């Protein structure tokens, strides 16, 4: 039975590949950016300093449960 020993060169190549993969993951992550041209109603992200995408901001909606609770608790005369 032969035992494979990692040489110093193989260990260095493995470490370098892991470092490059980590750097690619960090740079490839979408970063939020401000767009003065589109205004506050838009949300933009930039990925890897190359690809920029924008979408309208999502408005916070009031859940239907909250609305029905307010309507159900109308003040009574008494």
Protein backbone atom coordinates (compact mmCIF):
# COMPACT_ATOMS: atom_id res chain seq x y z
CA UNK A 1 0.00 0.00 0.00
CA UNK A 2 1.50 3.29 -1.05
CA UNK A 3 0.91 6.47 0.89
CA UNK A 4 0.65 9.73 -1.07
CA UNK A 5 2.57 12.54 0.56
CA UNK A 6 1.75 16.12 -0.34
CA UNK A 7 4.78 17.88 -1.62
CA UNK A 8 5.44 21.47 -0.72
CA UNK A 9 4.72 22.49 -4.32
CA UNK A 10 1.30 20.75 -4.36
CA UNK A 11 0.41 22.36 -1.04
CA UNK A 12 1.37 25.81 -2.36
CA UNK A 13 -0.70 25.32 -5.53
CA UNK A 14 -3.72 24.23 -3.46
CA UNK A 15 -3.39 27.24 -1.18
CA UNK A 16 -3.05 29.63 -4.15
CA UNK A 17 -6.10 28.14 -5.86
CA UNK A 18 -8.16 28.54 -2.67
CA UNK A 19 -7.03 32.17 -2.33
CA UNK A 20 -7.96 32.96 -5.95
CA UNK A 21 -11.37 31.29 -5.52
CA UNK A 22 -12.01 33.37 -2.38
CA UNK A 23 -11.05 36.59 -4.17
CA UNK A 24 -13.37 35.77 -7.08
CA UNK A 25 -16.26 35.16 -4.68
CA UNK A 26 -15.66 38.46 -2.88
CA UNK A 27 -15.41 40.49 -6.08
CA UNK A 28 -18.34 38.75 -7.73
CA UNK A 29 -20.76 39.64 -4.95
CA UNK A 30 -23.35 42.31 -5.92
CA UNK A 31 -22.67 45.66 -4.25
CA UNK A 32 -25.40 48.30 -3.81
CA UNK A 33 -24.67 51.59 -5.57
CA UNK A 34 -26.43 54.96 -5.75
CA UNK A 35 -27.81 56.19 -9.06
CA UNK A 36 -28.38 59.94 -9.13
CA UNK A 37 -29.80 59.70 -12.65
CA UNK A 38 -32.65 57.34 -11.76
CA UNK A 39 -33.50 58.84 -8.36
CA UNK A 40 -34.58 57.39 -5.03
CA UNK A 41 -37.28 55.15 -6.53
CA UNK A 42 -34.67 52.77 -7.97
CA UNK A 43 -32.26 50.29 -6.38
CA UNK A 44 -29.05 49.46 -8.31
CA UNK A 45 -26.35 46.82 -7.78
CA UNK A 46 -22.99 46.35 -9.44
CA UNK A 47 -21.33 42.93 -9.80
CA UNK A 48 -17.56 42.51 -10.27
CA UNK A 49 -17.22 46.18 -11.31
CA UNK A 50 -18.70 45.27 -14.72
CA UNK A 51 -22.41 44.41 -14.66
CA UNK A 52 -24.85 47.00 -13.29
CA UNK A 53 -28.53 46.21 -12.85
CA UNK A 54 -31.34 48.41 -11.54
CA UNK A 55 -34.87 47.64 -10.39
CA UNK A 56 -37.67 49.73 -8.89
CA UNK A 57 -37.64 49.83 -5.08
CA UNK A 58 -40.26 47.65 -3.45
CA UNK A 59 -42.77 49.62 -1.41
CA UNK A 60 -43.62 48.27 2.03
CA UNK A 61 -47.21 47.03 1.82
CA UNK A 62 -49.56 46.88 4.79
CA UNK A 63 -50.59 43.26 5.37
CA UNK A 64 -54.25 42.44 4.85
CA UNK A 65 -54.52 41.25 8.47
CA UNK A 66 -53.54 44.70 9.75
CA UNK A 67 -56.11 46.39 7.50
CA UNK A 68 -58.96 44.11 8.52
CA UNK A 69 -58.10 44.54 12.22
CA UNK A 70 -58.33 48.33 11.95
CA UNK A 71 -61.68 48.10 10.17
CA UNK A 72 -63.04 45.63 12.73
CA UNK A 73 -62.16 47.90 15.67
CA UNK A 74 -64.31 50.88 14.74
CA UNK A 75 -65.23 53.01 17.73
CA UNK A 76 -68.75 52.43 19.06
CA UNK A 77 -71.04 54.95 20.67
CA UNK A 78 -71.92 54.19 24.11
